[in-house]
Amino acid sequence: MLASLAIRDVVLIDRLDLGFAPGLTVLTGETGAGKSILLDALGLALGQRGDAGLVRHGAAQASVTAVFEIPEDHEARRIAAEQGIADDGGPLILKRTLSADGRSRAFVNDEPASVGLLRRLGAALVEIEGQFESQGLLDSATHRALLDAFAANHKRATETASAARAWAEARRLKAEADAEIARTRADEDFLRHALSELDAFDPKPGEEQELADLRQRLMHREKIGEAVSAAESELAGERGAERSINAARRALDRVASKAGPSVQAALAALDRGSAELAEAVAALRSAAAEADLDPRRLADAEERLFGLRELARKHRVDVDALPALKEQFAARLGALDDQGGLLARRTEEERQARASYLTSAEALSAARAEAAKRLDKAVNAELKALKLEKAKFRTKVGRLTEEQWGESGIDCVAFQIATNPGAPFAPLARIASGGELARLMLAVTVCLARANPVPTLVFDEVDAGVGGATAAAVGERLARLASELQVLVVTHSPQVAAIGRHHWRVSKETVSGAARTRLAPLDASARREEIARMLSAAEVTAEARAQADRLLAAAEAAA
């Protein structure tokens, strides 16, 4: 709810600090005292259009700060969090400054913000209904959510939203399959030719390096063969190392039993050396065999190596990537060959998701239609008591085109009114009479009180043009609203003023030759006098005071 409002230098207001309480607060005062200025100031804090004319004459800038106390899970906190506004769980503070040159700045919790964000937050926190401008209910975009809240459709709406997301995902997968098959078909000739080339080469991972190494060996096979032969001769020839090690072992074996540990260690080392030497000789003989390969293998190796490199350049990949590229091309052609099955699966999945969505959306639509009848009945019953008995309200639940279906379902919802018998139904905003509009808004708001997520309602002269029993009916409905929400009412009706739980009087006084608007809370005595003034003509009479007492007593009894 709105906890406080600080106004600085707005038109006739130089400095005003107001604290608000829950329930019904009425604001009264003489015509021209500045009640509309208060609403203009509040509108600034809520992100409404600011005009340099609102800055008090002689002041550099105007400022308005509105403090709201709201639950932790309120929509306004979510909106602020989305924009990165710090929130410690305390009050939400909206501030707006307006310079005399028309420049405007906005703040949320003392952090700079856009006026657009201020407007979004304001719409979630306060709804203003007046004779000449209104928020909330006149915006048909809010009607579907209000009807769902009235119908307690949260579970159905959640299921429909979930089904809509699942359907959207199924459509995306089907579209991807369509696009992939279309791309593959367009490239089919290329893919088949490229795959045939890759199949012909049948590249293997790491083959480029193996071929490069083989080519290197083949190019130097004569030098390698000569070196290997010489090495083998030194190791295994008649006078090679192998002969010398064997001779040394035989000599030591003859004295091994008589010698000490040193000779045994020498024999062990010779054994190890003999084994290693045998391995070296075997490796050299293998190398000699490789060096003696057919010289034509060099041409074969070079032909394959250069062919693989040329194929890799053609496809702009590394040679080692050719095996994976071959698998990729084969998979794309396989998908093309299996296109009927893939598309059939995606199409069936999309069909099932659409059917599931429609099942949920139709159930939600039926619940909306049933709730619309109950809402229409409730609102039309309220209209009679508010002197709008010729008017007829209806909630139109229409069907959207399939392109418009989404997480909110398949319906469009609009509140409509026919102001006279036989007149066509039209949107609420087309009502010509400001008084009729304000009372209609009251009737609808009363019926939607529990569904309305906005915690504070402001009514500007909702009782305009009515009196007596009708004004009393207006007051009674405002009191009902105030049992659910915080309600602020600017009124000229003594019947409405008497029902208020809190009463403020707006007045205008002259300070240093300049007019200033003042606002003061009224105690019981001052309140009686103010209501008597509203009942009187030029002078407050004893009868007016007596009538004020009767109105206050009746209001007290009704409460």
Protein backbone atom coordinates (compact mmCIF):
# COMPACT_ATOMS: atom_id res chain seq x y z
CA MET A 1 0.00 0.00 0.00
CA LEU A 2 0.96 3.67 -0.28
CA ALA A 3 2.62 4.48 3.05
CA SER A 4 3.73 8.07 2.50
CA LEU A 5 3.95 10.82 -0.07
CA ALA A 6 6.44 13.69 0.05
CA ILE A 7 5.72 16.59 -2.31
CA ARG A 8 8.04 19.51 -2.97
CA ASP A 9 7.27 22.56 -5.13
CA VAL A 10 4.41 21.18 -7.21
CA VAL A 11 2.11 24.01 -8.43
CA LEU A 12 0.61 25.44 -5.21
CA ILE A 13 2.33 22.97 -2.89
CA ASP A 14 5.65 24.11 -1.48
CA ARG A 15 6.22 21.32 1.02
CA LEU A 16 3.87 18.53 2.02
CA ASP A 17 4.57 15.25 3.83
CA LEU A 18 1.66 12.83 4.03
CA GLY A 19 1.30 9.48 5.75
CA PHE A 20 -1.41 7.05 4.67
CA ALA A 21 -3.06 4.17 6.48
CA PRO A 22 -4.91 1.06 5.29
CA GLY A 23 -8.62 1.25 4.62
CA LEU A 24 -10.66 4.11 3.17
CA THR A 25 -9.16 7.61 3.20
CA VAL A 26 -11.30 10.50 1.95
CA LEU A 27 -9.98 13.86 0.79
CA THR A 28 -12.37 16.80 0.78
CA GLY A 29 -12.13 20.55 0.38
CA GLU A 30 -13.42 23.57 -1.46
CA THR A 31 -13.36 23.55 -5.25
CA GLY A 32 -9.99 24.88 -6.40
CA ALA A 33 -8.23 24.08 -3.14
CA GLY A 34 -5.80 21.78 -4.90
CA LYS A 35 -7.15 18.24 -4.65
CA SER A 36 -6.29 17.61 -8.31
CA ILE A 37 -2.75 18.84 -7.63
CA LEU A 38 -2.31 16.00 -5.15
CA LEU A 39 -3.29 13.48 -7.82
CA ASP A 40 -0.97 15.16 -10.34
CA ALA A 41 1.86 14.90 -7.83
CA LEU A 42 1.14 11.23 -7.17
CA GLY A 43 0.98 10.66 -10.92
CA LEU A 44 4.50 12.07 -11.29
CA ALA A 45 5.85 9.50 -8.82
CA LEU A 46 4.00 6.77 -10.73
CA GLY A 47 5.71 7.66 -14.02
CA GLN A 48 2.90 9.62 -15.66
CA ARG A 49 3.73 12.40 -18.09
CA GLY A 50 5.40 15.38 -16.43
CA ASP A 51 4.88 18.94 -17.60
CA ALA A 52 7.11 21.86 -16.65
CA GLY A 53 3.94 23.70 -15.65
CA LEU A 54 3.76 21.48 -12.55
CA VAL A 55 6.86 23.14 -11.09
CA ARG A 56 5.89 25.80 -8.55
CA HIS A 57 6.51 29.33 -9.77
CA GLY A 58 9.96 30.48 -8.67
CA ALA A 59 11.23 26.97 -7.84
CA ALA A 60 14.07 25.28 -9.74
CA GLN A 61 12.46 21.87 -9.68
CA ALA A 62 9.58 19.85 -8.29
CA SER A 63 9.99 16.47 -6.62
CA VAL A 64 7.65 13.76 -5.41
CA THR A 65 8.60 10.68 -3.39
CA ALA A 66 6.11 7.85 -2.85
CA VAL A 67 6.88 5.06 -0.38
CA PHE A 68 5.07 1.72 -0.71
CA GLU A 69 4.91 -1.12 1.78
CA ILE A 70 4.28 -4.33 -0.16
CA PRO A 71 4.75 -8.09 0.37
CA GLU A 72 8.00 -9.77 -0.61
CA ASP A 73 6.29 -11.63 -3.48
CA HIS A 74 4.60 -8.57 -5.00
CA GLU A 75 4.86 -8.08 -8.77
CA ALA A 76 6.53 -4.68 -8.32
CA ARG A 77 9.50 -6.30 -6.58
CA ARG A 78 9.90 -8.74 -9.46
CA ILE A 79 9.84 -5.88 -11.98
CA ALA A 80 12.45 -3.95 -9.98
CA ALA A 81 14.65 -7.04 -9.64
CA GLU A 82 14.54 -7.62 -13.41
CA GLN A 83 16.09 -4.17 -13.84
CA GLY A 84 18.81 -4.80 -11.26
CA ILE A 85 17.31 -2.54 -8.58
CA ALA A 86 18.57 -3.43 -5.11
CA ASP A 87 15.83 -4.63 -2.78
CA ASP A 88 16.40 -5.43 0.89
CA GLY A 89 12.78 -6.41 1.47
CA GLY A 90 11.90 -3.02 2.90
CA PRO A 91 9.62 -0.34 1.43
CA LEU A 92 9.74 0.32 -2.31
CA ILE A 93 10.53 4.00 -2.91
CA LEU A 94 9.62 5.76 -6.16
CA LYS A 95 10.93 9.29 -6.72
CA ARG A 96 10.56 11.74 -9.58
CA THR A 97 12.11 15.16 -10.07
CA LEU A 98 10.95 17.66 -12.69
CA SER A 99 13.01 20.73 -13.58
CA ALA A 100 11.53 24.05 -14.59
CA ASP A 101 12.98 23.49 -18.07
CA GLY A 102 10.99 20.26 -18.41
CA ARG A 103 13.80 17.78 -17.73
CA SER A 104 12.78 14.80 -15.64
CA ARG A 105 14.65 12.19 -13.58
CA ALA A 106 13.39 9.01 -11.95
CA PHE A 107 14.69 6.94 -9.04
CA VAL A 108 13.73 3.58 -7.54
CA ASN A 109 15.11 2.83 -4.06
CA ASP A 110 17.44 5.82 -4.55
CA GLU A 111 18.91 4.28 -7.72
CA PRO A 112 18.57 6.12 -11.07
CA ALA A 113 15.89 4.55 -13.26
CA SER A 114 13.93 5.26 -16.42
CA VAL A 115 10.54 6.92 -16.36
CA GLY A 116 9.32 3.83 -18.22
CA LEU A 117 10.33 1.62 -15.28
CA LEU A 118 8.62 4.04 -12.90
CA ARG A 119 5.46 3.75 -15.02
CA ARG A 120 5.57 -0.08 -14.95
CA LEU A 121 6.02 -0.10 -11.19
CA GLY A 122 3.31 2.51 -10.75
CA ALA A 123 0.84 0.43 -12.74
CA ALA A 124 1.52 -2.52 -10.41
CA LEU A 125 1.12 -0.41 -7.27
CA VAL A 126 -1.67 2.12 -7.83
CA GLU A 127 -4.76 2.26 -10.00
CA ILE A 128 -6.33 5.68 -10.51
CA GLU A 129 -9.95 5.91 -11.57
CA GLY A 130 -11.31 9.35 -12.30
CA GLN A 131 -13.74 11.34 -14.37
CA PHE A 132 -11.28 12.26 -17.06
CA GLU A 133 -8.52 9.71 -17.00
CA SER A 134 -8.14 6.23 -15.79
CA GLN A 135 -5.65 3.43 -15.64
CA GLY A 136 -5.95 -0.30 -15.32
CA LEU A 137 -9.48 -1.29 -16.23
CA LEU A 138 -9.61 0.90 -19.33
CA ASP A 139 -6.63 -0.99 -20.72
CA SER A 140 -8.10 -4.10 -22.35
CA ALA A 141 -4.70 -5.78 -22.13
CA THR A 142 -5.34 -6.25 -18.39
CA HIS A 143 -8.79 -7.81 -18.73
CA ARG A 144 -7.74 -11.39 -19.41
CA ALA A 145 -5.51 -11.56 -16.34
CA LEU A 146 -8.21 -9.93 -14.19
CA LEU A 147 -10.81 -12.43 -15.36
CA ASP A 148 -8.43 -15.32 -14.65
CA ALA A 149 -7.78 -14.00 -11.16
CA PHE A 150 -11.55 -13.59 -10.59
CA ALA A 151 -12.07 -17.19 -11.77
CA ALA A 152 -9.14 -18.56 -9.70
CA ASN A 153 -7.70 -19.96 -12.93
CA HIS A 154 -4.10 -20.08 -11.71
CA LYS A 155 -3.66 -23.86 -12.10
CA ARG A 156 -5.32 -23.97 -15.54
CA ALA A 157 -3.35 -20.94 -16.71
CA THR A 158 -0.07 -22.49 -15.52
CA GLU A 159 -0.84 -25.77 -17.32
CA THR A 160 -1.73 -23.90 -20.50
CA ALA A 161 1.46 -21.85 -20.37
CA SER A 162 3.54 -25.02 -19.89
CA ALA A 163 1.76 -26.75 -22.79
CA ALA A 164 2.35 -23.68 -24.97
CA ARG A 165 6.09 -23.83 -24.30
CA ALA A 166 6.17 -27.55 -25.09
CA TRP A 167 4.31 -26.93 -28.35
CA ALA A 168 6.69 -24.11 -29.27
CA GLU A 169 9.66 -26.44 -28.69
CA ALA A 170 8.07 -29.13 -30.87
CA ARG A 171 7.51 -26.57 -33.62
CA ARG A 172 11.13 -25.48 -33.36
CA LEU A 173 12.44 -29.04 -33.69
CA LYS A 174 10.22 -29.70 -36.68
CA ALA A 175 11.35 -26.46 -38.33
CA GLU A 176 14.98 -27.42 -37.70
CA ALA A 177 14.39 -30.82 -39.31
CA ASP A 178 12.73 -29.18 -42.31
CA ALA A 179 15.58 -26.71 -42.68
CA GLU A 180 18.28 -29.37 -42.35
CA ILE A 181 16.66 -31.60 -44.93
CA ALA A 182 16.22 -28.64 -47.26
CA ARG A 183 19.91 -27.77 -46.91
CA THR A 184 20.93 -31.39 -47.45
CA ARG A 185 18.76 -31.72 -50.54
CA ALA A 186 20.24 -28.57 -52.00
CA ASP A 187 23.74 -30.03 -51.45
CA GLU A 188 22.90 -33.63 -52.34
CA ASP A 189 24.95 -33.81 -55.58
CA PHE A 190 27.92 -32.20 -53.90
CA LEU A 191 27.67 -34.51 -50.90
CA ARG A 192 27.48 -37.66 -52.99
CA HIS A 193 30.48 -36.63 -55.12
CA ALA A 194 32.52 -35.56 -52.07
CA LEU A 195 31.67 -38.76 -50.22
CA SER A 196 32.68 -40.88 -53.18
CA GLU A 197 36.10 -39.13 -53.22
CA LEU A 198 36.51 -39.62 -49.50
CA ASP A 199 35.47 -43.26 -49.78
CA ALA A 200 38.03 -43.76 -52.54
CA PHE A 201 40.81 -42.38 -50.35
CA ASP A 202 39.39 -43.84 -47.11
CA PRO A 203 41.56 -41.56 -44.92
CA LYS A 204 42.64 -42.83 -41.49
CA PRO A 205 43.35 -40.79 -38.36
CA GLY A 206 47.06 -39.91 -38.09
CA GLU A 207 47.77 -41.16 -41.61
CA GLU A 208 49.38 -37.91 -42.81
CA GLN A 209 52.18 -38.13 -40.26
CA GLU A 210 52.74 -41.84 -40.98
CA LEU A 211 53.00 -41.18 -44.72
CA ALA A 212 55.32 -38.20 -44.17
CA ASP A 213 57.62 -40.35 -42.01
CA LEU A 214 57.62 -43.20 -44.56
CA ARG A 215 58.39 -40.77 -47.37
CA GLN A 216 61.30 -39.37 -45.35
CA ARG A 217 62.74 -42.86 -44.82
CA LEU A 218 62.29 -43.88 -48.44
CA MET A 219 63.95 -40.71 -49.73
CA HIS A 220 67.09 -41.54 -47.65
CA ARG A 221 66.97 -45.29 -47.82
CA GLU A 222 70.50 -45.70 -49.31
CA LYS A 223 72.20 -43.63 -46.59
CA ILE A 224 70.10 -45.34 -43.94
CA GLY A 225 70.99 -48.79 -45.37
CA GLU A 226 74.73 -48.03 -45.37
CA ALA A 227 74.64 -46.77 -41.78
CA VAL A 228 72.61 -49.72 -40.58
CA SER A 229 74.93 -52.20 -42.28
CA ALA A 230 78.01 -50.61 -40.79
CA ALA A 231 76.46 -50.56 -37.33
CA GLU A 232 75.44 -54.20 -37.58
CA SER A 233 78.95 -55.16 -38.68
CA GLU A 234 80.47 -53.41 -35.66
CA LEU A 235 78.10 -55.18 -33.31
CA ALA A 236 77.64 -58.65 -34.76
CA GLY A 237 80.57 -59.18 -37.14
CA GLU A 238 83.61 -61.45 -36.56
CA ARG A 239 85.29 -58.76 -34.52
CA GLY A 240 82.15 -57.09 -33.27
CA ALA A 241 80.97 -56.25 -29.79
CA GLU A 242 78.80 -59.35 -29.57
CA ARG A 243 81.85 -61.64 -29.99
CA SER A 244 83.83 -59.66 -27.40
CA ILE A 245 81.04 -59.79 -24.78
CA ASN A 246 80.65 -63.56 -25.23
CA ALA A 247 84.40 -64.07 -24.86
CA ALA A 248 84.49 -61.99 -21.68
CA ARG A 249 81.58 -63.99 -20.20
CA ARG A 250 83.34 -67.31 -20.90
CA ALA A 251 86.50 -66.10 -19.22
CA LEU A 252 84.70 -64.99 -16.10
CA ASP A 253 82.48 -68.06 -15.93
CA ARG A 254 85.61 -70.20 -15.36
CA VAL A 255 86.45 -68.37 -12.13
CA ALA A 256 82.98 -67.30 -11.03
CA SER A 257 82.75 -69.89 -8.24
CA LYS A 258 86.11 -68.81 -6.80
CA ALA A 259 85.71 -65.04 -7.29
CA GLY A 260 84.06 -62.49 -5.07
CA PRO A 261 80.95 -60.31 -5.49
CA SER A 262 82.66 -57.96 -7.90
CA VAL A 263 83.08 -60.65 -10.55
CA GLN A 264 79.45 -61.74 -10.04
CA ALA A 265 78.35 -58.12 -10.59
CA ALA A 266 80.45 -57.96 -13.75
CA LEU A 267 78.85 -61.17 -15.07
CA ALA A 268 75.34 -59.80 -14.37
CA ALA A 269 76.18 -56.60 -16.22
CA LEU A 270 77.53 -58.61 -19.18
CA ASP A 271 74.29 -60.61 -19.25
CA ARG A 272 72.25 -57.44 -19.41
CA GLY A 273 74.55 -55.99 -22.05
CA SER A 274 74.25 -59.17 -24.12
CA ALA A 275 70.46 -58.96 -24.04
CA GLU A 276 70.42 -55.28 -24.98
CA LEU A 277 72.98 -55.94 -27.73
CA ALA A 278 70.83 -58.72 -29.14
CA GLU A 279 67.85 -56.34 -29.27
CA ALA A 280 69.95 -53.69 -31.01
CA VAL A 281 71.15 -56.21 -33.60
CA ALA A 282 67.59 -57.37 -34.25
CA ALA A 283 66.42 -53.77 -34.66
CA LEU A 284 69.24 -53.02 -37.08
CA ARG A 285 68.39 -56.07 -39.20
CA SER A 286 64.72 -54.89 -39.29
CA ALA A 287 65.86 -51.43 -40.31
CA ALA A 288 68.05 -52.97 -42.99
CA ALA A 289 65.03 -54.83 -44.32
CA GLU A 290 63.01 -51.60 -44.47
CA ALA A 291 65.84 -49.80 -46.20
CA ASP A 292 65.80 -52.50 -48.81
CA LEU A 293 62.14 -51.77 -49.77
CA ASP A 294 61.00 -51.46 -53.34
CA PRO A 295 61.87 -47.92 -54.54
CA ARG A 296 58.43 -47.71 -56.17
CA ARG A 297 56.88 -47.42 -52.70
CA LEU A 298 58.21 -43.86 -52.52
CA ALA A 299 56.06 -42.85 -55.47
CA ASP A 300 53.04 -44.59 -53.95
CA ALA A 301 53.52 -42.88 -50.58
CA GLU A 302 54.00 -39.45 -52.16
CA GLU A 303 50.98 -39.91 -54.40
CA ARG A 304 48.72 -40.76 -51.43
CA LEU A 305 50.18 -38.08 -49.16
CA PHE A 306 49.81 -35.32 -51.73
CA GLY A 307 46.35 -36.60 -52.70
CA LEU A 308 45.13 -36.43 -49.09
CA ARG A 309 46.54 -32.93 -48.68
CA GLU A 310 44.86 -31.75 -51.86
CA LEU A 311 41.54 -33.24 -50.69
CA ALA A 312 41.92 -31.48 -47.32
CA ARG A 313 42.57 -28.13 -49.06
CA LYS A 314 39.51 -28.66 -51.21
CA HIS A 315 37.32 -29.02 -48.13
CA ARG A 316 39.28 -26.42 -46.11
CA VAL A 317 40.13 -28.78 -43.27
CA ASP A 318 43.24 -30.47 -41.91
CA VAL A 319 44.15 -33.89 -43.29
CA ASP A 320 43.47 -35.44 -39.88
CA ALA A 321 39.90 -34.01 -40.04
CA LEU A 322 39.06 -35.92 -43.26
CA PRO A 323 37.81 -39.11 -41.51
CA ALA A 324 35.37 -37.05 -39.39
CA LEU A 325 34.30 -35.09 -42.47
CA LYS A 326 33.58 -38.35 -44.25
CA GLU A 327 31.36 -39.46 -41.36
CA GLN A 328 29.59 -36.09 -41.34
CA PHE A 329 28.80 -36.23 -45.06
CA ALA A 330 27.60 -39.80 -44.70
CA ALA A 331 25.34 -38.80 -41.80
CA ARG A 332 23.83 -35.92 -43.77
CA LEU A 333 23.10 -38.19 -46.69
CA GLY A 334 21.73 -40.78 -44.28
CA ALA A 335 19.41 -38.14 -42.84
CA LEU A 336 18.30 -37.28 -46.34
CA ASP A 337 17.61 -40.91 -47.08
CA ASP A 338 15.67 -41.12 -43.80
CA GLN A 339 13.88 -37.80 -44.28
CA GLY A 340 10.46 -39.38 -44.42
CA GLY A 341 10.88 -41.03 -41.04
CA LEU A 342 12.43 -37.97 -39.39
CA LEU A 343 9.79 -35.59 -40.66
CA ALA A 344 7.05 -38.01 -39.72
CA ARG A 345 8.38 -38.21 -36.14
CA ARG A 346 8.75 -34.44 -35.81
CA THR A 347 5.35 -33.85 -37.36
CA GLU A 348 3.69 -36.31 -35.00
CA GLU A 349 5.45 -34.80 -31.98
CA GLU A 350 4.28 -31.34 -33.06
CA ARG A 351 0.73 -32.60 -33.61
CA GLN A 352 0.61 -34.19 -30.17
CA ALA A 353 2.02 -31.06 -28.52
CA ARG A 354 -0.57 -28.90 -30.28
CA ALA A 355 -3.37 -31.25 -29.21
CA SER A 356 -2.13 -31.17 -25.61
CA TYR A 357 -1.99 -27.37 -25.70
CA LEU A 358 -5.49 -27.14 -27.12
CA THR A 359 -6.84 -29.46 -24.44
CA SER A 360 -5.44 -27.20 -21.71
CA ALA A 361 -6.38 -23.98 -23.51
CA GLU A 362 -9.96 -25.15 -24.16
CA ALA A 363 -10.39 -26.02 -20.49
CA LEU A 364 -9.07 -22.57 -19.56
CA SER A 365 -11.39 -20.98 -22.13
CA ALA A 366 -14.41 -22.80 -20.72
CA ALA A 367 -13.52 -21.65 -17.21
CA ARG A 368 -13.21 -18.08 -18.48
CA ALA A 369 -16.59 -18.24 -20.17
CA GLU A 370 -18.23 -19.50 -16.97
CA ALA A 371 -16.46 -16.86 -14.87
CA ALA A 372 -17.47 -14.15 -17.35
CA LYS A 373 -21.15 -14.95 -16.72
CA ARG A 374 -20.65 -14.67 -12.96
CA LEU A 375 -18.74 -11.42 -13.31
CA ASP A 376 -21.37 -9.93 -15.63
CA LYS A 377 -24.12 -10.82 -13.19
CA ALA A 378 -22.23 -9.30 -10.26
CA VAL A 379 -21.33 -6.06 -12.07
CA ASN A 380 -24.80 -5.54 -13.50
CA ALA A 381 -26.25 -5.94 -10.00
CA GLU A 382 -23.90 -3.20 -8.79
CA LEU A 383 -24.83 -0.86 -11.66
CA LYS A 384 -28.46 -0.60 -10.54
CA ALA A 385 -27.52 0.69 -7.12
CA LEU A 386 -25.12 3.22 -8.67
CA LYS A 387 -27.84 4.86 -10.81
CA LEU A 388 -26.62 3.11 -13.94
CA GLU A 389 -29.65 0.85 -14.27
CA LYS A 390 -29.91 1.53 -18.02
CA ALA A 391 -26.36 0.41 -18.61
CA LYS A 392 -25.39 -3.21 -19.20
CA PHE A 393 -21.95 -4.68 -18.67
CA ARG A 394 -20.55 -7.76 -20.34
CA THR A 395 -17.29 -9.65 -20.50
CA LYS A 396 -16.59 -10.69 -24.06
CA VAL A 397 -14.45 -13.81 -24.37
CA GLY A 398 -13.40 -14.13 -28.01
CA ARG A 399 -11.21 -16.55 -29.93
CA LEU A 400 -7.77 -15.50 -31.13
CA THR A 401 -6.36 -16.60 -34.47
CA GLU A 402 -3.96 -19.51 -34.23
CA GLU A 403 -1.05 -17.17 -34.95
CA GLN A 404 -1.97 -15.29 -31.76
CA TRP A 405 -2.24 -18.32 -29.51
CA GLY A 406 0.34 -18.38 -26.77
CA GLU A 407 1.04 -18.99 -23.10
CA SER A 408 -2.08 -17.01 -22.11
CA GLY A 409 -4.32 -19.30 -24.13
CA ILE A 410 -6.57 -18.93 -27.15
CA ASP A 411 -8.87 -16.19 -25.87
CA CYS A 412 -9.04 -12.44 -26.00
CA VAL A 413 -11.00 -10.88 -23.14
CA ALA A 414 -12.59 -7.45 -23.15
CA PHE A 415 -14.89 -5.70 -20.69
CA GLN A 416 -17.63 -3.87 -22.58
CA ILE A 417 -20.57 -1.60 -21.76
CA ALA A 418 -23.83 -0.59 -23.41
CA THR A 419 -24.96 2.64 -21.76
CA ASN A 420 -28.58 2.50 -22.96
CA PRO A 421 -31.05 -0.21 -23.93
CA GLY A 422 -30.57 -1.19 -27.57
CA ALA A 423 -27.19 0.51 -27.78
CA PRO A 424 -24.29 -1.61 -29.02
CA PHE A 425 -21.66 -2.83 -26.60
CA ALA A 426 -18.41 -0.88 -26.75
CA PRO A 427 -15.10 -0.74 -24.84
CA LEU A 428 -15.25 0.92 -21.43
CA ALA A 429 -13.14 3.86 -22.58
CA ARG A 430 -15.83 5.01 -25.04
CA ILE A 431 -18.25 6.08 -22.31
CA ALA A 432 -18.80 9.81 -22.83
CA SER A 433 -19.84 10.81 -19.31
CA GLY A 434 -17.02 11.09 -16.80
CA GLY A 435 -19.41 10.46 -13.90
CA GLU A 436 -20.78 7.31 -15.53
CA LEU A 437 -17.29 6.09 -16.23
CA ALA A 438 -16.15 6.60 -12.64
CA ARG A 439 -19.16 4.76 -11.23
CA LEU A 440 -18.80 1.95 -13.76
CA MET A 441 -15.15 1.60 -12.78
CA LEU A 442 -16.26 1.42 -9.16
CA ALA A 443 -18.82 -1.32 -9.91
CA VAL A 444 -16.31 -3.43 -11.82
CA THR A 445 -13.55 -2.80 -9.29
CA VAL A 446 -15.79 -3.87 -6.40
CA CYS A 447 -16.51 -7.17 -8.14
CA LEU A 448 -12.83 -7.71 -8.96
CA ALA A 449 -11.45 -6.56 -5.61
CA ARG A 450 -10.10 -9.96 -4.60
CA ALA A 451 -8.64 -10.50 -8.07
CA ASN A 452 -6.97 -7.10 -8.40
CA PRO A 453 -3.20 -7.36 -7.80
CA VAL A 454 -2.89 -3.57 -7.33
CA PRO A 455 -2.87 -2.78 -3.59
CA THR A 456 -3.92 0.89 -3.78
CA LEU A 457 -6.93 2.36 -5.58
CA VAL A 458 -7.51 6.08 -6.07
CA PHE A 459 -10.93 7.43 -7.07
CA ASP A 460 -11.23 11.02 -8.23
CA GLU A 461 -14.78 12.32 -7.73
CA VAL A 462 -16.39 8.96 -8.36
CA ASP A 463 -19.57 10.47 -6.90
CA ALA A 464 -19.76 13.34 -9.40
CA GLY A 465 -23.30 14.15 -10.45
CA VAL A 466 -25.04 11.95 -7.89
CA GLY A 467 -26.38 12.48 -4.41
CA GLY A 468 -28.65 11.00 -1.79
CA ALA A 469 -29.11 7.25 -1.98
CA THR A 470 -26.80 6.90 -4.98
CA ALA A 471 -23.98 8.71 -3.20
CA ALA A 472 -24.56 6.50 -0.18
CA ALA A 473 -24.36 3.45 -2.43
CA VAL A 474 -21.08 4.75 -3.82
CA GLY A 475 -19.73 5.19 -0.31
CA GLU A 476 -20.89 1.75 0.77
CA ARG A 477 -19.05 0.16 -2.17
CA LEU A 478 -15.92 2.14 -1.50
CA ALA A 479 -16.02 0.87 2.07
CA ARG A 480 -16.34 -2.70 0.80
CA LEU A 481 -13.36 -2.17 -1.45
CA ALA A 482 -11.39 -0.74 1.46
CA SER A 483 -11.84 -3.99 3.38
CA GLU A 484 -9.69 -5.67 0.70
CA LEU A 485 -7.47 -2.83 -0.57
CA GLN A 486 -6.21 0.60 0.37
CA VAL A 487 -8.61 3.16 -1.11
CA LEU A 488 -8.10 6.92 -1.48
CA VAL A 489 -11.10 9.00 -2.60
CA VAL A 490 -11.33 12.62 -3.64
CA THR A 491 -14.97 13.50 -3.02
CA HIS A 492 -17.53 16.31 -2.85
CA SER A 493 -20.17 14.00 -1.38
CA PRO A 494 -20.91 14.22 2.37
CA GLN A 495 -22.34 10.67 2.24
CA VAL A 496 -19.02 9.34 0.89
CA ALA A 497 -16.94 11.50 3.24
CA ALA A 498 -18.84 10.16 6.27
CA ILE A 499 -17.96 6.56 5.41
CA GLY A 500 -14.21 7.20 5.30
CA ARG A 501 -12.03 5.66 7.97
CA HIS A 502 -9.54 8.51 7.63
CA HIS A 503 -10.38 12.07 6.58
CA TRP A 504 -8.07 14.73 5.17
CA ARG A 505 -9.10 18.27 4.30
CA VAL A 506 -7.44 20.10 1.41
CA SER A 507 -7.38 23.86 1.75
CA LYS A 508 -5.76 26.86 0.14
CA GLU A 509 -4.20 29.72 2.05
CA THR A 510 -2.13 32.77 1.23
CA VAL A 511 1.46 32.83 2.47
CA SER A 512 3.58 35.92 1.80
CA GLY A 513 1.20 36.95 -0.94
CA ALA A 514 1.26 33.55 -2.67
CA ALA A 515 -1.41 30.84 -2.65
CA ARG A 516 -0.42 27.56 -1.04
CA THR A 517 -2.23 24.22 -0.83
CA ARG A 518 -2.35 22.59 2.59
CA LEU A 519 -3.57 19.17 3.69
CA ALA A 520 -4.52 18.31 7.25
CA PRO A 521 -6.00 15.21 8.95
CA LEU A 522 -9.29 15.83 10.70
CA ASP A 523 -10.24 14.69 14.18
CA ALA A 524 -13.85 13.81 15.04
CA SER A 525 -14.88 17.41 15.72
CA ALA A 526 -13.21 18.86 12.65
CA ARG A 527 -14.58 16.06 10.55
CA ARG A 528 -18.15 16.81 11.70
CA GLU A 529 -17.64 20.45 10.78
CA GLU A 530 -16.24 19.58 7.34
CA ILE A 531 -19.15 17.27 6.48
CA ALA A 532 -21.57 19.94 7.70
CA ARG A 533 -19.85 22.42 5.38
CA MET A 534 -20.33 19.98 2.49
CA LEU A 535 -24.03 19.72 3.37
CA SER A 536 -24.55 23.47 3.65
CA ALA A 537 -24.78 26.17 1.07
CA ALA A 538 -23.14 29.46 2.00
CA GLU A 539 -23.17 28.98 5.78
CA VAL A 540 -22.83 25.99 8.08
CA THR A 541 -26.10 25.61 9.98
CA ALA A 542 -27.18 23.68 13.04
CA GLU A 543 -29.28 21.47 10.82
CA ALA A 544 -26.22 20.74 8.67
CA ARG A 545 -24.28 19.74 11.77
CA ALA A 546 -27.16 17.52 12.91
CA GLN A 547 -27.28 15.89 9.49
CA ALA A 548 -23.51 15.39 9.64
CA ASP A 549 -23.94 13.66 12.98
CA ARG A 550 -26.56 11.36 11.47
CA LEU A 551 -24.32 10.49 8.52
CA LEU A 552 -21.36 9.75 10.79
CA ALA A 553 -23.49 7.67 13.12
CA ALA A 554 -24.90 5.68 10.21
CA ALA A 555 -21.41 5.08 8.87
CA GLU A 556 -20.21 3.97 12.30
CA ALA A 557 -23.13 1.56 12.60
CA ALA A 558 -22.50 0.15 9.12
CA ALA A 559 -18.86 -0.45 9.93
